[in-house]
Amino acid sequence: MSITVDNIDGAHGGHSPFTISLGERFDFAEVENFRKCYESLINVEGKILVIDFAKTRYIDSSALGMLINAKRYFDSRETSIRLVKTNEQVRKIFAISRFETKFEIS
């Protein structure tokens, strides 16, 4: 599995964000692993989930759909999602999909 979950202690005033780091490809083959990762965070105290795209070079429509599912899941838990370390290619896909209206992207 090329998806990992980490907790960064002490950040954001005691509300430690959790980080899901994605692999080189975020596609249909990885969406189930991604879902399991974010659903494992059901009892987290933090109010921020960071999804790290530093290694991601390819993303497909099933992954975009899973990001929307994750947003719905965490919105109901009053947890915000940040998409970070996106490269130009991934940002273009997010722009076409109008993700800037749904997520904080950097």
PDB file of N, CA and C in Angstrom:
ATOM      1  N   MET A   1       0.850  -1.175   0.000  1.00  0.00           N
ATOM      2  CA  MET A   1       0.000   0.000   0.000  1.00  0.00           C
ATOM      3  C   MET A   1       0.889   1.229   0.000  1.00  0.00           C
ATOM      4  N   SER A   2       0.594   2.175  -0.858  1.00  0.00           N
ATOM      5  CA  SER A   2       1.413   3.383  -0.951  1.00  0.00           C
ATOM      6  C   SER A   2       0.759   4.578  -0.261  1.00  0.00           C
ATOM      7  N   ILE A   3      -0.191   4.313   0.619  1.00  0.00           N
ATOM      8  CA  ILE A   3      -0.851   5.372   1.378  1.00  0.00           C
ATOM      9  C   ILE A   3      -0.526   5.169   2.848  1.00  0.00           C
ATOM     10  N   THR A   4      -0.085   6.244   3.517  1.00  0.00           N
ATOM     11  CA  THR A   4       0.240   6.147   4.937  1.00  0.00           C
ATOM     12  C   THR A   4      -0.483   7.240   5.718  1.00  0.00           C
ATOM     13  N   VAL A   5      -0.678   6.992   7.011  1.00  0.00           N
ATOM     14  CA  VAL A   5      -1.313   7.961   7.905  1.00  0.00           C
ATOM     15  C   VAL A   5      -0.344   8.282   9.021  1.00  0.00           C
ATOM     16  N   ASP A   6      -0.157   9.573   9.287  1.00  0.00           N
ATOM     17  CA  ASP A   6       0.723  10.030  10.360  1.00  0.00           C
ATOM     18  C   ASP A   6       0.002  11.089  11.177  1.00  0.00           C
ATOM     19  N   ASN A   7       0.367  11.163  12.457  1.00  0.00           N
ATOM     20  CA  ASN A   7      -0.121  12.231  13.335  1.00  0.00           C
ATOM     21  C   ASN A   7       1.051  13.126  13.670  1.00  0.00           C
ATOM     22  N   ILE A   8       0.851  14.425  13.544  1.00  0.00           N
ATOM     23  CA  ILE A   8       1.909  15.391  13.839  1.00  0.00           C
ATOM     24  C   ILE A   8       1.585  16.007  15.191  1.00  0.00           C
ATOM     25  N   ASP A   9       2.269  15.571  16.244  1.00  0.00           N
ATOM     26  CA  ASP A   9       1.961  16.013  17.605  1.00  0.00           C
ATOM     27  C   ASP A   9       2.259  17.482  17.822  1.00  0.00           C
ATOM     28  N   GLY A  10       1.400  18.116  18.605  1.00  0.00           N
ATOM     29  CA  GLY A  10       1.656  19.460  19.085  1.00  0.00           C
ATOM     30  C   GLY A  10       1.353  20.594  18.130  1.00  0.00           C
ATOM     31  N   ALA A  11       0.933  20.312  16.936  1.00  0.00           N
ATOM     32  CA  ALA A  11       0.652  21.385  15.975  1.00  0.00           C
ATOM     33  C   ALA A  11      -0.753  21.937  16.194  1.00  0.00           C
ATOM     34  N   HIS A  12      -0.981  23.126  15.731  1.00  0.00           N
ATOM     35  CA  HIS A  12      -2.295  23.776  15.697  1.00  0.00           C
ATOM     36  C   HIS A  12      -2.946  23.868  17.071  1.00  0.00           C
ATOM     37  N   GLY A  13      -2.189  24.333  18.056  1.00  0.00           N
ATOM     38  CA  GLY A  13      -2.765  24.617  19.363  1.00  0.00           C
ATOM     39  C   GLY A  13      -3.349  23.414  20.066  1.00  0.00           C
ATOM     40  N   GLY A  14      -2.708  22.274  19.934  1.00  0.00           N
ATOM     41  CA  GLY A  14      -3.186  21.089  20.621  1.00  0.00           C
ATOM     42  C   GLY A  14      -4.115  20.220  19.796  1.00  0.00           C
ATOM     43  N   HIS A  15      -4.610  20.742  18.700  1.00  0.00           N
ATOM     44  CA  HIS A  15      -5.429  19.933  17.802  1.00  0.00           C
ATOM     45  C   HIS A  15      -4.511  19.389  16.716  1.00  0.00           C
ATOM     46  N   SER A  16      -3.957  18.225  16.976  1.00  0.00           N
ATOM     47  CA  SER A  16      -2.960  17.663  16.069  1.00  0.00           C
ATOM     48  C   SER A  16      -3.609  17.227  14.765  1.00  0.00           C
ATOM     49  N   PRO A  17      -3.135  17.750  13.644  1.00  0.00           N
ATOM     50  CA  PRO A  17      -3.681  17.277  12.372  1.00  0.00           C
ATOM     51  C   PRO A  17      -3.165  15.880  12.057  1.00  0.00           C
ATOM     52  N   PHE A  18      -3.938  15.147  11.330  1.00  0.00           N
ATOM     53  CA  PHE A  18      -3.502  13.865  10.811  1.00  0.00           C
ATOM     54  C   PHE A  18      -3.157  14.080   9.352  1.00  0.00           C
ATOM     55  N   THR A  19      -2.143  13.377   8.882  1.00  0.00           N
ATOM     56  CA  THR A  19      -1.714  13.495   7.495  1.00  0.00           C
ATOM     57  C   THR A  19      -1.845  12.146   6.810  1.00  0.00           C
ATOM     58  N   ILE A  20      -2.536  12.136   5.686  1.00  0.00           N
ATOM     59  CA  ILE A  20      -2.564  10.973   4.805  1.00  0.00           C
ATOM     60  C   ILE A  20      -1.642  11.312   3.648  1.00  0.00           C
ATOM     61  N   SER A  21      -0.570  10.545   3.517  1.00  0.00           N
ATOM     62  CA  SER A  21       0.401  10.754   2.433  1.00  0.00           C
ATOM     63  C   SER A  21       0.118   9.751   1.329  1.00  0.00           C
ATOM     64  N   LEU A  22      -0.041  10.266   0.130  1.00  0.00           N
ATOM     65  CA  LEU A  22      -0.363   9.430  -1.024  1.00  0.00           C
ATOM     66  C   LEU A  22       0.899   9.031  -1.768  1.00  0.00           C
ATOM     67  N   GLY A  23       0.797   7.949  -2.529  1.00  0.00           N
ATOM     68  CA  GLY A  23       1.908   7.488  -3.344  1.00  0.00           C
ATOM     69  C   GLY A  23       1.937   8.179  -4.696  1.00  0.00           C
ATOM     70  N   GLU A  24       2.705   7.621  -5.607  1.00  0.00           N
ATOM     71  CA  GLU A  24       2.895   8.224  -6.928  1.00  0.00           C
ATOM     72  C   GLU A  24       1.608   8.256  -7.745  1.00  0.00           C
ATOM     73  N   ARG A  25       0.785   7.227  -7.583  1.00  0.00           N
ATOM     74  CA  ARG A  25      -0.485   7.155  -8.310  1.00  0.00           C
ATOM     75  C   ARG A  25      -1.632   7.106  -7.308  1.00  0.00           C
ATOM     76  N   PHE A  26      -2.599   7.985  -7.500  1.00  0.00           N
ATOM     77  CA  PHE A  26      -3.824   7.947  -6.708  1.00  0.00           C
ATOM     78  C   PHE A  26      -4.934   7.672  -7.706  1.00  0.00           C
ATOM     79  N   ASP A  27      -5.272   6.399  -7.843  1.00  0.00           N
ATOM     80  CA  ASP A  27      -6.212   5.971  -8.868  1.00  0.00           C
ATOM     81  C   ASP A  27      -7.131   4.886  -8.320  1.00  0.00           C
ATOM     82  N   PHE A  28      -7.891   4.262  -9.212  1.00  0.00           N
ATOM     83  CA  PHE A  28      -8.869   3.246  -8.830  1.00  0.00           C
ATOM     84  C   PHE A  28      -8.260   2.165  -7.949  1.00  0.00           C
ATOM     85  N   ALA A  29      -7.035   1.784  -8.228  1.00  0.00           N
ATOM     86  CA  ALA A  29      -6.371   0.729  -7.454  1.00  0.00           C
ATOM     87  C   ALA A  29      -6.105   1.142  -6.009  1.00  0.00           C
ATOM     88  N   GLU A  30      -6.094   2.434  -5.725  1.00  0.00           N
ATOM     89  CA  GLU A  30      -5.771   2.935  -4.383  1.00  0.00           C
ATOM     90  C   GLU A  30      -6.956   3.497  -3.610  1.00  0.00           C
ATOM     91  N   VAL A  31      -8.106   3.677  -4.244  1.00  0.00           N
ATOM     92  CA  VAL A  31      -9.198   4.371  -3.550  1.00  0.00           C
ATOM     93  C   VAL A  31      -9.712   3.598  -2.343  1.00  0.00           C
ATOM     94  N   GLU A  32      -9.751   2.289  -2.410  1.00  0.00           N
ATOM     95  CA  GLU A  32     -10.212   1.502  -1.259  1.00  0.00           C
ATOM     96  C   GLU A  32      -9.239   1.631  -0.089  1.00  0.00           C
ATOM     97  N   ASN A  33      -7.940   1.620  -0.373  1.00  0.00           N
ATOM     98  CA  ASN A  33      -6.945   1.839   0.688  1.00  0.00           C
ATOM     99  C   ASN A  33      -7.110   3.224   1.303  1.00  0.00           C
ATOM    100  N   PHE A  34      -7.354   4.220   0.467  1.00  0.00           N
ATOM    101  CA  PHE A  34      -7.561   5.582   0.945  1.00  0.00           C
ATOM    102  C   PHE A  34      -8.789   5.652   1.849  1.00  0.00           C
ATOM    103  N   ARG A  35      -9.881   5.024   1.432  1.00  0.00           N
ATOM    104  CA  ARG A  35     -11.104   5.024   2.238  1.00  0.00           C
ATOM    105  C   ARG A  35     -10.849   4.387   3.599  1.00  0.00           C
ATOM    106  N   LYS A  36     -10.167   3.257   3.614  1.00  0.00           N
ATOM    107  CA  LYS A  36      -9.851   2.587   4.883  1.00  0.00           C
ATOM    108  C   LYS A  36      -9.002   3.483   5.778  1.00  0.00           C
ATOM    109  N   CYS A  37      -8.060   4.202   5.178  1.00  0.00           N
ATOM    110  CA  CYS A  37      -7.211   5.115   5.962  1.00  0.00           C
ATOM    111  C   CYS A  37      -8.039   6.211   6.601  1.00  0.00           C
ATOM    112  N   TYR A  38      -8.878   6.886   5.815  1.00  0.00           N
ATOM    113  CA  TYR A  38      -9.609   8.001   6.415  1.00  0.00           C
ATOM    114  C   TYR A  38     -10.702   7.522   7.362  1.00  0.00           C
ATOM    115  N   GLU A  39     -11.302   6.373   7.091  1.00  0.00           N
ATOM    116  CA  GLU A  39     -12.310   5.867   8.022  1.00  0.00           C
ATOM    117  C   GLU A  39     -11.693   5.400   9.335  1.00  0.00           C
ATOM    118  N   SER A  40     -10.413   5.059   9.322  1.00  0.00           N
ATOM    119  CA  SER A  40      -9.741   4.662  10.566  1.00  0.00           C
ATOM    120  C   SER A  40      -9.555   5.853  11.498  1.00  0.00           C
ATOM    121  N   LEU A  41      -9.777   7.060  11.014  1.00  0.00           N
ATOM    122  CA  LEU A  41      -9.610   8.280  11.803  1.00  0.00           C
ATOM    123  C   LEU A  41     -10.912   8.739  12.453  1.00  0.00           C
ATOM    124  N   ILE A  42     -11.872   7.862  12.592  1.00  0.00           N
ATOM    125  CA  ILE A  42     -13.198   8.240  13.070  1.00  0.00           C
ATOM    126  C   ILE A  42     -13.182   8.893  14.450  1.00  0.00           C
ATOM    127  N   ASN A  43     -12.297   8.502  15.337  1.00  0.00           N
ATOM    128  CA  ASN A  43     -12.296   9.030  16.699  1.00  0.00           C
ATOM    129  C   ASN A  43     -11.193  10.040  16.957  1.00  0.00           C
ATOM    130  N   VAL A  44     -10.682  10.661  15.933  1.00  0.00           N
ATOM    131  CA  VAL A  44      -9.585  11.615  16.130  1.00  0.00           C
ATOM    132  C   VAL A  44     -10.084  12.883  16.800  1.00  0.00           C
ATOM    133  N   GLU A  45      -9.217  13.494  17.577  1.00  0.00           N
ATOM    134  CA  GLU A  45      -9.545  14.729  18.283  1.00  0.00           C
ATOM    135  C   GLU A  45      -9.290  15.950  17.402  1.00  0.00           C
ATOM    136  N   GLY A  46      -8.376  15.832  16.449  1.00  0.00           N
ATOM    137  CA  GLY A  46      -8.005  16.975  15.621  1.00  0.00           C
ATOM    138  C   GLY A  46      -9.123  17.434  14.716  1.00  0.00           C
ATOM    139  N   LYS A  47      -9.055  18.665  14.321  1.00  0.00           N
ATOM    140  CA  LYS A  47     -10.068  19.250  13.448  1.00  0.00           C
ATOM    141  C   LYS A  47      -9.533  19.506  12.044  1.00  0.00           C
ATOM    142  N   ILE A  48      -8.359  18.949  11.750  1.00  0.00           N
ATOM    143  CA  ILE A  48      -7.747  19.151  10.436  1.00  0.00           C
ATOM    144  C   ILE A  48      -7.223  17.814   9.925  1.00  0.00           C
ATOM    145  N   LEU A  49      -7.536  17.507   8.672  1.00  0.00           N
ATOM    146  CA  LEU A  49      -6.940  16.370   7.986  1.00  0.00           C
ATOM    147  C   LEU A  49      -6.152  16.930   6.816  1.00  0.00           C
ATOM    148  N   VAL A  50      -4.882  16.589   6.751  1.00  0.00           N
ATOM    149  CA  VAL A  50      -4.006  17.015   5.661  1.00  0.00           C
ATOM    150  C   VAL A  50      -3.817  15.825   4.728  1.00  0.00           C
ATOM    151  N   ILE A  51      -4.042  16.040   3.446  1.00  0.00           N
ATOM    152  CA  ILE A  51      -3.763  15.008   2.444  1.00  0.00           C
ATOM    153  C   ILE A  51      -2.580  15.503   1.634  1.00  0.00           C
ATOM    154  N   ASP A  52      -1.484  14.756   1.731  1.00  0.00           N
ATOM    155  CA  ASP A  52      -0.189  15.145   1.170  1.00  0.00           C
ATOM    156  C   ASP A  52      -0.005  14.514  -0.214  1.00  0.00           C
ATOM    157  N   PHE A  53       0.113  15.366  -1.222  1.00  0.00           N
ATOM    158  CA  PHE A  53       0.281  14.935  -2.613  1.00  0.00           C
ATOM    159  C   PHE A  53       1.728  15.075  -3.096  1.00  0.00           C
ATOM    160  N   ALA A  54       2.693  15.185  -2.196  1.00  0.00           N
ATOM    161  CA  ALA A  54       4.088  15.438  -2.578  1.00  0.00           C
ATOM    162  C   ALA A  54       4.621  14.413  -3.578  1.00  0.00           C
ATOM    163  N   LYS A  55       4.241  13.157  -3.431  1.00  0.00           N
ATOM    164  CA  LYS A  55       4.747  12.096  -4.317  1.00  0.00           C
ATOM    165  C   LYS A  55       3.815  11.807  -5.487  1.00  0.00           C
ATOM    166  N   THR A  56       2.636  12.393  -5.486  1.00  0.00           N
ATOM    167  CA  THR A  56       1.604  12.022  -6.454  1.00  0.00           C
ATOM    168  C   THR A  56       1.839  12.676  -7.810  1.00  0.00           C
ATOM    169  N   ARG A  57       1.916  11.854  -8.831  1.00  0.00           N
ATOM    170  CA  ARG A  57       2.120  12.316 -10.206  1.00  0.00           C
ATOM    171  C   ARG A  57       0.906  12.056 -11.089  1.00  0.00           C
ATOM    172  N   TYR A  58       0.013  11.159 -10.624  1.00  0.00           N
ATOM    173  CA  TYR A  58      -1.154  10.782 -11.429  1.00  0.00           C
ATOM    174  C   TYR A  58      -2.362  10.643 -10.511  1.00  0.00           C
ATOM    175  N   ILE A  59      -3.478  11.198 -10.951  1.00  0.00           N
ATOM    176  CA  ILE A  59      -4.735  11.070 -10.216  1.00  0.00           C
ATOM    177  C   ILE A  59      -5.848  10.869 -11.240  1.00  0.00           C
ATOM    178  N   ASP A  60      -6.783   9.954 -10.954  1.00  0.00           N
ATOM    179  CA  ASP A  60      -7.866   9.714 -11.907  1.00  0.00           C
ATOM    180  C   ASP A  60      -9.217  10.090 -11.300  1.00  0.00           C
ATOM    181  N   SER A  61     -10.282   9.907 -12.080  1.00  0.00           N
ATOM    182  CA  SER A  61     -11.609  10.351 -11.654  1.00  0.00           C
ATOM    183  C   SER A  61     -12.121   9.589 -10.438  1.00  0.00           C
ATOM    184  N   SER A  62     -11.749   8.326 -10.284  1.00  0.00           N
ATOM    185  CA  SER A  62     -12.195   7.589  -9.098  1.00  0.00           C
ATOM    186  C   SER A  62     -11.569   8.174  -7.838  1.00  0.00           C
ATOM    187  N   ALA A  63     -10.339   8.644  -7.934  1.00  0.00           N
ATOM    188  CA  ALA A  63      -9.683   9.292  -6.794  1.00  0.00           C
ATOM    189  C   ALA A  63     -10.347  10.631  -6.484  1.00  0.00           C
ATOM    190  N   LEU A  64     -10.724  11.376  -7.519  1.00  0.00           N
ATOM    191  CA  LEU A  64     -11.442  12.636  -7.297  1.00  0.00           C
ATOM    192  C   LEU A  64     -12.757  12.375  -6.568  1.00  0.00           C
ATOM    193  N   GLY A  65     -13.456  11.339  -6.992  1.00  0.00           N
ATOM    194  CA  GLY A  65     -14.705  10.972  -6.328  1.00  0.00           C
ATOM    195  C   GLY A  65     -14.488  10.584  -4.877  1.00  0.00           C
ATOM    196  N   MET A  66     -13.408   9.883  -4.604  1.00  0.00           N
ATOM    197  CA  MET A  66     -13.119   9.477  -3.233  1.00  0.00           C
ATOM    198  C   MET A  66     -12.752  10.674  -2.365  1.00  0.00           C
ATOM    199  N   LEU A  67     -12.110  11.687  -2.938  1.00  0.00           N
ATOM    200  CA  LEU A  67     -11.833  12.913  -2.179  1.00  0.00           C
ATOM    201  C   LEU A  67     -13.143  13.611  -1.795  1.00  0.00           C
ATOM    202  N   ILE A  68     -14.110  13.611  -2.701  1.00  0.00           N
ATOM    203  CA  ILE A  68     -15.421  14.191  -2.396  1.00  0.00           C
ATOM    204  C   ILE A  68     -16.105  13.379  -1.298  1.00  0.00           C
ATOM    205  N   ASN A  69     -16.016  12.052  -1.375  1.00  0.00           N
ATOM    206  CA  ASN A  69     -16.584  11.207  -0.319  1.00  0.00           C
ATOM    207  C   ASN A  69     -15.935  11.509   1.026  1.00  0.00           C
ATOM    208  N   ALA A  70     -14.613  11.670   1.034  1.00  0.00           N
ATOM    209  CA  ALA A  70     -13.896  11.989   2.271  1.00  0.00           C
ATOM    210  C   ALA A  70     -14.360  13.334   2.813  1.00  0.00           C
ATOM    211  N   LYS A  71     -14.560  14.294   1.921  1.00  0.00           N
ATOM    212  CA  LYS A  71     -15.033  15.619   2.360  1.00  0.00           C
ATOM    213  C   LYS A  71     -16.381  15.500   3.045  1.00  0.00           C
ATOM    214  N   ARG A  72     -17.301  14.772   2.454  1.00  0.00           N
ATOM    215  CA  ARG A  72     -18.622  14.576   3.069  1.00  0.00           C
ATOM    216  C   ARG A  72     -18.490  13.903   4.435  1.00  0.00           C
ATOM    217  N   TYR A  73     -17.656  12.884   4.481  1.00  0.00           N
ATOM    218  CA  TYR A  73     -17.427  12.127   5.714  1.00  0.00           C
ATOM    219  C   TYR A  73     -16.923  13.047   6.823  1.00  0.00           C
ATOM    220  N   PHE A  74     -15.935  13.874   6.524  1.00  0.00           N
ATOM    221  CA  PHE A  74     -15.337  14.733   7.546  1.00  0.00           C
ATOM    222  C   PHE A  74     -16.140  16.009   7.799  1.00  0.00           C
ATOM    223  N   ASP A  75     -16.886  16.494   6.820  1.00  0.00           N
ATOM    224  CA  ASP A  75     -17.767  17.643   7.066  1.00  0.00           C
ATOM    225  C   ASP A  75     -18.754  17.318   8.183  1.00  0.00           C
ATOM    226  N   SER A  76     -19.277  16.094   8.182  1.00  0.00           N
ATOM    227  CA  SER A  76     -20.241  15.701   9.215  1.00  0.00           C
ATOM    228  C   SER A  76     -19.586  15.587  10.587  1.00  0.00           C
ATOM    229  N   ARG A  77     -18.263  15.564  10.623  1.00  0.00           N
ATOM    230  CA  ARG A  77     -17.502  15.501  11.874  1.00  0.00           C
ATOM    231  C   ARG A  77     -16.803  16.827  12.188  1.00  0.00           C
ATOM    232  N   GLU A  78     -17.177  17.863  11.450  1.00  0.00           N
ATOM    233  CA  GLU A  78     -16.604  19.204  11.634  1.00  0.00           C
ATOM    234  C   GLU A  78     -15.081  19.201  11.557  1.00  0.00           C
ATOM    235  N   THR A  79     -14.567  18.427  10.627  1.00  0.00           N
ATOM    236  CA  THR A  79     -13.129  18.336  10.380  1.00  0.00           C
ATOM    237  C   THR A  79     -12.845  18.871   8.984  1.00  0.00           C
ATOM    238  N   SER A  80     -11.889  19.774   8.869  1.00  0.00           N
ATOM    239  CA  SER A  80     -11.550  20.331   7.559  1.00  0.00           C
ATOM    240  C   SER A  80     -10.445  19.508   6.904  1.00  0.00           C
ATOM    241  N   ILE A  81     -10.418  19.563   5.582  1.00  0.00           N
ATOM    242  CA  ILE A  81      -9.419  18.838   4.796  1.00  0.00           C
ATOM    243  C   ILE A  81      -8.586  19.840   4.018  1.00  0.00           C
ATOM    244  N   ARG A  82      -7.281  19.658   4.061  1.00  0.00           N
ATOM    245  CA  ARG A  82      -6.351  20.456   3.261  1.00  0.00           C
ATOM    246  C   ARG A  82      -5.615  19.521   2.306  1.00  0.00           C
ATOM    247  N   LEU A  83      -5.565  19.899   1.043  1.00  0.00           N
ATOM    248  CA  LEU A  83      -4.810  19.162   0.032  1.00  0.00           C
ATOM    249  C   LEU A  83      -3.505  19.919  -0.163  1.00  0.00           C
ATOM    250  N   VAL A  84      -2.386  19.308   0.213  1.00  0.00           N
ATOM    251  CA  VAL A  84      -1.110  20.028   0.235  1.00  0.00           C
ATOM    252  C   VAL A  84      -0.066  19.378  -0.666  1.00  0.00           C
ATOM    253  N   LYS A  85       0.939  20.183  -0.995  1.00  0.00           N
ATOM    254  CA  LYS A  85       2.094  19.777  -1.798  1.00  0.00           C
ATOM    255  C   LYS A  85       1.674  19.213  -3.150  1.00  0.00           C
ATOM    256  N   THR A  86       0.680  19.848  -3.748  1.00  0.00           N
ATOM    257  CA  THR A  86       0.209  19.415  -5.061  1.00  0.00           C
ATOM    258  C   THR A  86       1.133  19.960  -6.145  1.00  0.00           C
ATOM    259  N   ASN A  87       1.435  19.124  -7.122  1.00  0.00           N
ATOM    260  CA  ASN A  87       2.259  19.602  -8.234  1.00  0.00           C
ATOM    261  C   ASN A  87       1.355  20.253  -9.286  1.00  0.00           C
ATOM    262  N   GLU A  88       1.969  20.813 -10.301  1.00  0.00           N
ATOM    263  CA  GLU A  88       1.225  21.553 -11.326  1.00  0.00           C
ATOM    264  C   GLU A  88       0.178  20.686 -12.015  1.00  0.00           C
ATOM    265  N   GLN A  89       0.530  19.449 -12.351  1.00  0.00           N
ATOM    266  CA  GLN A  89      -0.400  18.547 -13.038  1.00  0.00           C
ATOM    267  C   GLN A  89      -1.630  18.262 -12.174  1.00  0.00           C
ATOM    268  N   VAL A  90      -1.414  17.958 -10.911  1.00  0.00           N
ATOM    269  CA  VAL A  90      -2.524  17.672 -10.002  1.00  0.00           C
ATOM    270  C   VAL A  90      -3.371  18.931  -9.791  1.00  0.00           C
ATOM    271  N   ARG A  91      -2.734  20.092  -9.652  1.00  0.00           N
ATOM    272  CA  ARG A  91      -3.478  21.349  -9.495  1.00  0.00           C
ATOM    273  C   ARG A  91      -4.360  21.631 -10.717  1.00  0.00           C
ATOM    274  N   LYS A  92      -3.868  21.313 -11.917  1.00  0.00           N
ATOM    275  CA  LYS A  92      -4.675  21.509 -13.128  1.00  0.00           C
ATOM    276  C   LYS A  92      -5.931  20.640 -13.083  1.00  0.00           C
ATOM    277  N   ILE A  93      -5.769  19.395 -12.665  1.00  0.00           N
ATOM    278  CA  ILE A  93      -6.917  18.486 -12.558  1.00  0.00           C
ATOM    279  C   ILE A  93      -7.901  19.007 -11.515  1.00  0.00           C
ATOM    280  N   PHE A  94      -7.380  19.491 -10.385  1.00  0.00           N
ATOM    281  CA  PHE A  94      -8.246  20.065  -9.356  1.00  0.00           C
ATOM    282  C   PHE A  94      -8.962  21.305  -9.880  1.00  0.00           C
ATOM    283  N   ALA A  95      -8.281  22.124 -10.668  1.00  0.00           N
ATOM    284  CA  ALA A  95      -8.896  23.338 -11.217  1.00  0.00           C
ATOM    285  C   ALA A  95     -10.032  22.985 -12.178  1.00  0.00           C
ATOM    286  N   ILE A  96      -9.790  22.024 -13.061  1.00  0.00           N
ATOM    287  CA  ILE A  96     -10.821  21.584 -14.004  1.00  0.00           C
ATOM    288  C   ILE A  96     -12.034  21.047 -13.252  1.00  0.00           C
ATOM    289  N   SER A  97     -11.778  20.367 -12.139  1.00  0.00           N
ATOM    290  CA  SER A  97     -12.838  19.764 -11.324  1.00  0.00           C
ATOM    291  C   SER A  97     -13.442  20.737 -10.319  1.00  0.00           C
ATOM    292  N   ARG A  98     -12.931  21.981 -10.300  1.00  0.00           N
ATOM    293  CA  ARG A  98     -13.402  23.039  -9.407  1.00  0.00           C
ATOM    294  C   ARG A  98     -13.247  22.676  -7.932  1.00  0.00           C
ATOM    295  N   PHE A  99     -12.177  21.976  -7.626  1.00  0.00           N
ATOM    296  CA  PHE A  99     -11.939  21.567  -6.245  1.00  0.00           C
ATOM    297  C   PHE A  99     -11.585  22.737  -5.338  1.00  0.00           C
ATOM    298  N   GLU A 100     -11.159  23.859  -5.915  1.00  0.00           N
ATOM    299  CA  GLU A 100     -10.820  25.013  -5.072  1.00  0.00           C
ATOM    300  C   GLU A 100     -12.059  25.553  -4.361  1.00  0.00           C
ATOM    301  N   THR A 101     -13.242  25.199  -4.839  1.00  0.00           N
ATOM    302  CA  THR A 101     -14.473  25.615  -4.159  1.00  0.00           C
ATOM    303  C   THR A 101     -14.836  24.682  -3.010  1.00  0.00           C
ATOM    304  N   LYS A 102     -14.166  23.535  -2.941  1.00  0.00           N
ATOM    305  CA  LYS A 102     -14.490  22.529  -1.937  1.00  0.00           C
ATOM    306  C   LYS A 102     -13.390  22.314  -0.902  1.00  0.00           C
ATOM    307  N   PHE A 103     -12.134  22.559  -1.311  1.00  0.00           N
ATOM    308  CA  PHE A 103     -10.980  22.254  -0.466  1.00  0.00           C
ATOM    309  C   PHE A 103     -10.026  23.440  -0.412  1.00  0.00           C
ATOM    310  N   GLU A 104      -9.236  23.474   0.647  1.00  0.00           N
ATOM    311  CA  GLU A 104      -8.080  24.367   0.703  1.00  0.00           C
ATOM    312  C   GLU A 104      -6.938  23.617   0.020  1.00  0.00           C
ATOM    313  N   ILE A 105      -6.354  24.203  -1.026  1.00  0.00           N
ATOM    314  CA  ILE A 105      -5.335  23.525  -1.833  1.00  0.00           C
ATOM    315  C   ILE A 105      -4.061  24.351  -1.843  1.00  0.00           C
ATOM    316  N   SER A 106      -2.926  23.672  -1.622  1.00  0.00           N
ATOM    317  CA  SER A 106      -1.635  24.360  -1.713  1.00  0.00           C
ATOM    318  C   SER A 106      -0.595  23.440  -2.321  1.00  0.00           C
TER     319      SER A 106
END
